[in-house]
C-alpha atoms as a PDB file:
ATOM      1  CA  MET A   1     -78.694 -50.402  45.983  1.00  0.00           C
ATOM      2  CA  ASN A   2     -75.657 -48.894  47.309  1.00  0.00           C
ATOM      3  CA  ALA A   3     -71.942 -49.535  45.796  1.00  0.00           C
ATOM      4  CA  ILE A   4     -70.580 -49.545  49.651  1.00  0.00           C
ATOM      5  CA  GLU A   5     -72.290 -49.802  52.572  1.00  0.00           C
ATOM      6  CA  LEU A   6     -70.723 -49.494  55.931  1.00  0.00           C
ATOM      7  CA  ARG A   7     -72.842 -49.787  59.382  1.00  0.00           C
ATOM      8  CA  ALA A   8     -71.002 -49.240  62.850  1.00  0.00           C
ATOM      9  CA  VAL A   9     -67.633 -50.203  61.547  1.00  0.00           C
ATOM     10  CA  THR A  10     -64.764 -49.612  63.846  1.00  0.00           C
ATOM     11  CA  LYS A  11     -61.049 -50.673  63.592  1.00  0.00           C
ATOM     12  CA  ALA A  12     -58.467 -50.292  66.038  1.00  0.00           C
ATOM     13  CA  TYR A  13     -54.356 -51.370  65.899  1.00  0.00           C
ATOM     14  CA  ASP A  14     -52.974 -52.307  69.143  1.00  0.00           C
ATOM     15  CA  GLY A  15     -55.679 -50.584  71.204  1.00  0.00           C
ATOM     16  CA  ARG A  16     -55.308 -47.563  68.979  1.00  0.00           C
ATOM     17  CA  THR A  17     -58.934 -46.448  67.212  1.00  0.00           C
ATOM     18  CA  ALA A  18     -58.249 -45.839  63.538  1.00  0.00           C
ATOM     19  CA  VAL A  19     -61.862 -46.034  62.771  1.00  0.00           C
ATOM     20  CA  ALA A  20     -65.000 -45.550  65.137  1.00  0.00           C
ATOM     21  CA  ASP A  21     -68.262 -46.620  64.716  1.00  0.00           C
ATOM     22  CA  ILE A  22     -68.438 -45.095  61.080  1.00  0.00           C
ATOM     23  CA  THR A  23     -71.537 -45.847  59.174  1.00  0.00           C
ATOM     24  CA  LEU A  24     -71.618 -44.521  55.055  1.00  0.00           C
ATOM     25  CA  SER A  25     -73.426 -45.293  52.048  1.00  0.00           C
ATOM     26  CA  ILE A  26     -71.931 -44.509  48.621  1.00  0.00           C
ATOM     27  CA  GLU A  27     -74.087 -44.887  45.475  1.00  0.00           C
ATOM     28  CA  ARG A  28     -73.326 -46.242  42.382  1.00  0.00           C
ATOM     29  CA  GLY A  29     -71.460 -44.104  39.977  1.00  0.00           C
ATOM     30  CA  GLU A  30     -70.961 -41.545  42.969  1.00  0.00           C
ATOM     31  CA  ARG A  31     -67.670 -39.755  43.616  1.00  0.00           C
ATOM     32  CA  VAL A  32     -66.705 -39.289  47.134  1.00  0.00           C
ATOM     33  CA  ALA A  33     -63.909 -37.308  48.219  1.00  0.00           C
ATOM     34  CA  LEU A  34     -62.323 -38.674  51.897  1.00  0.00           C
ATOM     35  CA  ALA A  35     -60.497 -35.639  53.182  1.00  0.00           C
ATOM     36  CA  GLY A  36     -58.603 -34.722  56.254  1.00  0.00           C
ATOM     37  CA  PRO A  37     -55.203 -34.829  58.188  1.00  0.00           C
ATOM     38  CA  SER A  38     -52.846 -37.969  58.339  1.00  0.00           C
ATOM     39  CA  GLY A  39     -53.969 -40.634  60.652  1.00  0.00           C
ATOM     40  CA  CYS A  40     -57.621 -39.985  60.952  1.00  0.00           C
ATOM     41  CA  GLY A  41     -58.225 -42.970  59.468  1.00  0.00           C
ATOM     42  CA  LYS A  42     -59.061 -42.103  55.806  1.00  0.00           C
ATOM     43  CA  THR A  43     -56.608 -44.835  54.462  1.00  0.00           C
ATOM     44  CA  THR A  44     -57.575 -47.488  56.950  1.00  0.00           C
ATOM     45  CA  LEU A  45     -61.499 -47.112  55.586  1.00  0.00           C
ATOM     46  CA  LEU A  46     -60.311 -47.831  52.010  1.00  0.00           C
ATOM     47  CA  ARG A  47     -58.307 -50.963  53.243  1.00  0.00           C
ATOM     48  CA  LEU A  48     -61.693 -52.227  55.071  1.00  0.00           C
ATOM     49  CA  VAL A  49     -63.913 -51.735  51.816  1.00  0.00           C
ATOM     50  CA  ALA A  50     -61.048 -53.547  49.708  1.00  0.00           C
ATOM     51  CA  GLY A  51     -60.596 -56.245  51.898  1.00  0.00           C
ATOM     52  CA  LEU A  52     -57.223 -55.577  53.161  1.00  0.00           C
ATOM     53  CA  GLU A  53     -58.405 -55.229  57.005  1.00  0.00           C
ATOM     54  CA  VAL A  54     -61.105 -56.732  58.741  1.00  0.00           C
ATOM     55  CA  PRO A  55     -63.389 -54.635  60.785  1.00  0.00           C
ATOM     56  CA  ASP A  56     -63.530 -55.783  64.605  1.00  0.00           C
ATOM     57  CA  SER A  57     -67.096 -54.971  64.517  1.00  0.00           C
ATOM     58  CA  GLY A  58     -69.680 -53.759  62.172  1.00  0.00           C
ATOM     59  CA  THR A  59     -70.492 -54.645  58.692  1.00  0.00           C
ATOM     60  CA  ILE A  60     -69.524 -53.872  55.338  1.00  0.00           C
ATOM     61  CA  ARG A  61     -71.594 -54.439  52.342  1.00  0.00           C
ATOM     62  CA  ILE A  62     -70.413 -54.441  48.421  1.00  0.00           C
ATOM     63  CA  ASN A  63     -73.142 -54.002  45.859  1.00  0.00           C
ATOM     64  CA  GLY A  64     -75.664 -55.301  47.961  1.00  0.00           C
ATOM     65  CA  THR A  65     -73.551 -58.499  49.264  1.00  0.00           C
ATOM     66  CA  LEU A  66     -72.320 -58.844  52.934  1.00  0.00           C
ATOM     67  CA  VAL A  67     -68.363 -58.949  52.697  1.00  0.00           C
ATOM     68  CA  ALA A  68     -67.369 -58.395  56.123  1.00  0.00           C
ATOM     69  CA  GLU A  69     -68.791 -58.128  59.698  1.00  0.00           C
ATOM     70  CA  HIS A  70     -67.324 -58.536  63.418  1.00  0.00           C
ATOM     71  CA  GLY A  71     -64.123 -59.724  62.720  1.00  0.00           C
ATOM     72  CA  ARG A  72     -63.770 -61.597  59.669  1.00  0.00           C
ATOM     73  CA  ASN A  73     -63.984 -61.260  56.166  1.00  0.00           C
ATOM     74  CA  LEU A  74     -66.731 -63.135  54.088  1.00  0.00           C
ATOM     75  CA  VAL A  75     -65.560 -62.200  50.968  1.00  0.00           C
ATOM     76  CA  GLU A  76     -61.966 -61.964  49.901  1.00  0.00           C
ATOM     77  CA  PRO A  77     -60.299 -58.879  48.425  1.00  0.00           C
ATOM     78  CA  GLU A  78     -59.756 -60.490  45.095  1.00  0.00           C
ATOM     79  CA  GLN A  79     -63.382 -61.610  45.042  1.00  0.00           C
ATOM     80  CA  ARG A  80     -64.649 -58.078  45.635  1.00  0.00           C
ATOM     81  CA  HIS A  81     -64.014 -56.681  42.053  1.00  0.00           C
ATOM     82  CA  ILE A  82     -62.524 -53.505  43.111  1.00  0.00           C
ATOM     83  CA  GLY A  83     -60.063 -51.760  41.328  1.00  0.00           C
ATOM     84  CA  MET A  84     -57.327 -49.783  43.845  1.00  0.00           C
ATOM     85  CA  VAL A  85     -55.216 -46.862  43.127  1.00  0.00           C
ATOM     86  CA  PHE A  86     -52.147 -47.147  46.034  1.00  0.00           C
ATOM     87  CA  GLN A  87     -50.459 -43.837  46.854  1.00  0.00           C
ATOM     88  CA  ASP A  88     -46.983 -45.265  46.021  1.00  0.00           C
ATOM     89  CA  LEU A  89     -48.660 -46.612  42.581  1.00  0.00           C
ATOM     90  CA  ALA A  90     -47.249 -50.084  43.803  1.00  0.00           C
ATOM     91  CA  LEU A  91     -46.121 -50.807  39.933  1.00  0.00           C
ATOM     92  CA  TRP A  92     -43.835 -53.758  39.283  1.00  0.00           C
ATOM     93  CA  PRO A  93     -40.650 -52.486  37.797  1.00  0.00           C
ATOM     94  CA  HIS A  94     -39.840 -55.638  35.866  1.00  0.00           C
ATOM     95  CA  MET A  95     -42.965 -55.906  34.221  1.00  0.00           C
ATOM     96  CA  THR A  96     -44.123 -53.832  30.939  1.00  0.00           C
ATOM     97  CA  VAL A  97     -47.272 -51.617  30.974  1.00  0.00           C
ATOM     98  CA  HIS A  98     -49.239 -54.572  28.996  1.00  0.00           C
ATOM     99  CA  GLY A  99     -47.915 -56.838  31.223  1.00  0.00           C
ATOM    100  CA  HIS A 100     -49.545 -55.326  34.250  1.00  0.00           C
ATOM    101  CA  LEU A 101     -52.791 -55.428  32.571  1.00  0.00           C
ATOM    102  CA  ASP A 102     -52.716 -58.910  31.341  1.00  0.00           C
ATOM    103  CA  PHE A 103     -51.798 -59.815  35.150  1.00  0.00           C
ATOM    104  CA  VAL A 104     -54.942 -58.387  36.423  1.00  0.00           C
ATOM    105  CA  LEU A 105     -57.416 -59.634  33.826  1.00  0.00           C
ATOM    106  CA  ARG A 106     -55.590 -63.648  34.003  1.00  0.00           C
ATOM    107  CA  TYR A 107     -56.385 -63.556  37.690  1.00  0.00           C
ATOM    108  CA  ASP A 108     -60.342 -62.046  36.920  1.00  0.00           C
ATOM    109  CA  LYS A 109     -62.386 -65.020  37.046  1.00  0.00           C
ATOM    110  CA  ARG A 110     -64.947 -62.868  34.710  1.00  0.00           C
ATOM    111  CA  SER A 111     -62.242 -62.278  31.869  1.00  0.00           C
ATOM    112  CA  GLN A 112     -62.250 -64.602  28.816  1.00  0.00           C
ATOM    113  CA  PRO A 113     -58.587 -65.363  27.837  1.00  0.00           C
ATOM    114  CA  ALA A 114     -59.702 -64.563  24.296  1.00  0.00           C
ATOM    115  CA  ASP A 115     -61.024 -60.807  25.075  1.00  0.00           C
ATOM    116  CA  ARG A 116     -58.102 -59.821  26.948  1.00  0.00           C
ATOM    117  CA  PRO A 117     -55.887 -58.151  23.940  1.00  0.00           C
ATOM    118  CA  SER A 118     -58.627 -56.276  23.257  1.00  0.00           C
ATOM    119  CA  ARG A 119     -59.537 -54.893  26.419  1.00  0.00           C
ATOM    120  CA  ILE A 120     -56.160 -54.221  27.131  1.00  0.00           C
ATOM    121  CA  ARG A 121     -56.002 -52.081  23.803  1.00  0.00           C
ATOM    122  CA  GLU A 122     -59.063 -50.463  24.775  1.00  0.00           C
ATOM    123  CA  ILE A 123     -57.963 -49.287  28.065  1.00  0.00           C
ATOM    124  CA  LEU A 124     -54.605 -48.335  27.170  1.00  0.00           C
ATOM    125  CA  GLU A 125     -56.393 -46.117  24.503  1.00  0.00           C
ATOM    126  CA  MET A 126     -58.487 -44.522  27.447  1.00  0.00           C
ATOM    127  CA  VAL A 127     -55.595 -43.516  29.518  1.00  0.00           C
ATOM    128  CA  ARG A 128     -53.590 -42.199  26.148  1.00  0.00           C
ATOM    129  CA  LEU A 129     -51.044 -45.151  26.640  1.00  0.00           C
ATOM    130  CA  SER A 130     -51.245 -46.743  23.499  1.00  0.00           C
ATOM    131  CA  ASP A 131     -47.888 -46.518  21.903  1.00  0.00           C
ATOM    132  CA  ARG A 132     -46.058 -47.566  25.910  1.00  0.00           C
ATOM    133  CA  GLY A 133     -47.549 -50.939  26.267  1.00  0.00           C
ATOM    134  CA  ARG A 134     -43.763 -52.055  26.142  1.00  0.00           C
ATOM    135  CA  ALA A 135     -42.097 -49.797  28.449  1.00  0.00           C
ATOM    136  CA  LYS A 136     -41.263 -50.784  31.855  1.00  0.00           C
ATOM    137  CA  PRO A 137     -42.360 -48.164  35.065  1.00  0.00           C
ATOM    138  CA  GLY A 138     -38.797 -47.122  34.756  1.00  0.00           C
ATOM    139  CA  GLU A 139     -39.105 -45.720  31.210  1.00  0.00           C
ATOM    140  CA  LEU A 140     -42.045 -43.859  31.967  1.00  0.00           C
ATOM    141  CA  SER A 141     -42.507 -40.215  33.139  1.00  0.00           C
ATOM    142  CA  GLY A 142     -44.424 -39.732  36.570  1.00  0.00           C
ATOM    143  CA  GLY A 143     -47.789 -38.830  34.555  1.00  0.00           C
ATOM    144  CA  GLU A 144     -47.477 -42.221  32.715  1.00  0.00           C
ATOM    145  CA  GLN A 145     -46.792 -43.746  35.606  1.00  0.00           C
ATOM    146  CA  GLN A 146     -50.097 -42.594  37.086  1.00  0.00           C
ATOM    147  CA  ARG A 147     -51.827 -43.379  34.263  1.00  0.00           C
ATOM    148  CA  VAL A 148     -50.628 -47.366  34.410  1.00  0.00           C
ATOM    149  CA  ALA A 149     -52.134 -47.264  37.745  1.00  0.00           C
ATOM    150  CA  LEU A 150     -55.148 -46.002  36.555  1.00  0.00           C
ATOM    151  CA  ALA A 151     -55.410 -48.427  33.866  1.00  0.00           C
ATOM    152  CA  ARG A 152     -54.495 -51.395  36.169  1.00  0.00           C
ATOM    153  CA  ALA A 153     -57.314 -50.509  38.532  1.00  0.00           C
ATOM    154  CA  LEU A 154     -59.891 -50.008  35.305  1.00  0.00           C
ATOM    155  CA  ILE A 155     -58.963 -52.977  33.114  1.00  0.00           C
ATOM    156  CA  ALA A 156     -61.337 -55.324  34.935  1.00  0.00           C
ATOM    157  CA  LYS A 157     -64.275 -53.162  34.895  1.00  0.00           C
ATOM    158  CA  PRO A 158     -64.863 -52.475  38.107  1.00  0.00           C
ATOM    159  CA  THR A 159     -68.115 -51.006  39.427  1.00  0.00           C
ATOM    160  CA  ILE A 160     -66.191 -49.393  42.218  1.00  0.00           C
ATOM    161  CA  VAL A 161     -62.623 -47.912  42.552  1.00  0.00           C
ATOM    162  CA  LEU A 162     -60.549 -46.563  45.569  1.00  0.00           C
ATOM    163  CA  MET A 163     -57.788 -44.119  45.262  1.00  0.00           C
ATOM    164  CA  ASP A 164     -55.224 -43.341  48.219  1.00  0.00           C
ATOM    165  CA  GLU A 165     -53.749 -39.904  47.505  1.00  0.00           C
ATOM    166  CA  PRO A 166     -52.403 -41.179  44.150  1.00  0.00           C
ATOM    167  CA  LEU A 167     -51.312 -37.354  43.037  1.00  0.00           C
ATOM    168  CA  SER A 168     -49.725 -36.397  46.104  1.00  0.00           C
ATOM    169  CA  SER A 169     -45.954 -36.596  44.811  1.00  0.00           C
ATOM    170  CA  LEU A 170     -46.628 -34.383  41.621  1.00  0.00           C
ATOM    171  CA  ASP A 171     -46.124 -31.252  40.902  1.00  0.00           C
ATOM    172  CA  PRO A 172     -49.350 -28.917  40.638  1.00  0.00           C
ATOM    173  CA  GLU A 173     -49.520 -28.461  37.250  1.00  0.00           C
ATOM    174  CA  LEU A 174     -49.616 -32.422  36.563  1.00  0.00           C
ATOM    175  CA  SER A 175     -51.583 -33.100  39.416  1.00  0.00           C
ATOM    176  CA  LEU A 176     -54.635 -30.521  37.862  1.00  0.00           C
ATOM    177  CA  HIS A 177     -54.104 -32.487  34.252  1.00  0.00           C
ATOM    178  CA  LEU A 178     -54.629 -35.935  35.938  1.00  0.00           C
ATOM    179  CA  ARG A 179     -57.683 -34.686  38.090  1.00  0.00           C
ATOM    180  CA  GLY A 180     -59.240 -34.144  34.875  1.00  0.00           C
ATOM    181  CA  GLU A 181     -58.066 -37.335  33.389  1.00  0.00           C
ATOM    182  CA  ILE A 182     -59.845 -39.158  36.475  1.00  0.00           C
ATOM    183  CA  LEU A 183     -62.826 -37.490  35.988  1.00  0.00           C
ATOM    184  CA  ARG A 184     -62.895 -37.760  32.385  1.00  0.00           C
ATOM    185  CA  LEU A 185     -62.550 -41.728  33.031  1.00  0.00           C
ATOM    186  CA  HIS A 186     -65.358 -41.872  35.648  1.00  0.00           C
ATOM    187  CA  ALA A 187     -67.763 -39.917  32.872  1.00  0.00           C
ATOM    188  CA  GLU A 188     -66.862 -42.875  30.418  1.00  0.00           C
ATOM    189  CA  LEU A 189     -67.123 -45.696  32.834  1.00  0.00           C
ATOM    190  CA  SER A 190     -69.682 -44.370  35.800  1.00  0.00           C
ATOM    191  CA  PHE A 191     -67.943 -46.250  38.591  1.00  0.00           C
ATOM    192  CA  ALA A 192     -68.281 -45.374  42.438  1.00  0.00           C
ATOM    193  CA  LEU A 193     -64.997 -43.755  43.329  1.00  0.00           C
ATOM    194  CA  VAL A 194     -63.863 -43.151  46.741  1.00  0.00           C
ATOM    195  CA  TYR A 195     -60.664 -40.804  46.325  1.00  0.00           C
ATOM    196  CA  VAL A 196     -58.448 -40.196  49.812  1.00  0.00           C
ATOM    197  CA  THR A 197     -56.851 -36.998  49.912  1.00  0.00           C
ATOM    198  CA  HIS A 198     -55.215 -34.592  52.538  1.00  0.00           C
ATOM    199  CA  SER A 199     -56.217 -31.678  49.836  1.00  0.00           C
ATOM    200  CA  ARG A 200     -59.315 -29.664  50.009  1.00  0.00           C
ATOM    201  CA  GLU A 201     -58.590 -28.305  46.502  1.00  0.00           C
ATOM    202  CA  GLU A 202     -58.259 -31.968  45.151  1.00  0.00           C
ATOM    203  CA  ALA A 203     -61.360 -32.742  47.324  1.00  0.00           C
ATOM    204  CA  ALA A 204     -63.219 -30.498  45.763  1.00  0.00           C
ATOM    205  CA  ASP A 205     -62.374 -30.883  42.274  1.00  0.00           C
ATOM    206  CA  LEU A 206     -62.836 -34.877  42.395  1.00  0.00           C
ATOM    207  CA  GLY A 207     -65.596 -35.625  44.696  1.00  0.00           C
ATOM    208  CA  SER A 208     -69.317 -34.660  44.083  1.00  0.00           C
ATOM    209  CA  ARG A 209     -69.470 -35.312  47.907  1.00  0.00           C
ATOM    210  CA  VAL A 210     -66.862 -34.430  50.355  1.00  0.00           C
ATOM    211  CA  ILE A 211     -66.527 -35.939  53.755  1.00  0.00           C
ATOM    212  CA  HIS A 212     -64.003 -34.893  56.438  1.00  0.00           C
ATOM    213  CA  MET A 213     -62.551 -37.196  58.624  1.00  0.00           C
ATOM    214  CA  LEU A 214     -61.092 -35.573  61.986  1.00  0.00           C
END
């Protein structure tokens, strides 16, 4: 069974086609990089998989379940159990690192209240932020903020993680380091990774398969 399966998916905005008749299968545990210039539909494709956009035509399946078809979502975004890291990270400035992670678990129906503290400790250790749980985003470095976003995407144990150019604003040295962190987390957790980038270097590093979109 594939983690993600798109069949003849099309999406347009105000008459302009963003995604045209795309058919794509991604296996469980696979790392796929979507590379290409701005405006080629990479982010739209992620948003369709996440359920943040609805396909005009075609079908989308997540782990074998039909989640969207022909202009409607059949499964809402929060029920798809997908982790996502946005380009701007979308961290909440008023909330601590611990609060970010607890917020996700409180809205995950599979999470038991008694298990949340240990899961938060576990993921903070994984992203090497065990001593930063009480900090707010403004008190963190750029690399630490990136790792908070990663932890938030992974805390609910998703089988699929979508990343939309999360390293684009970082200097080359930090970007290279965090690519290694993403690969380490993927090796430990075996989620299907779909990574959007305009960088051929990032695509080659993070994708076991690279798909070039035009």
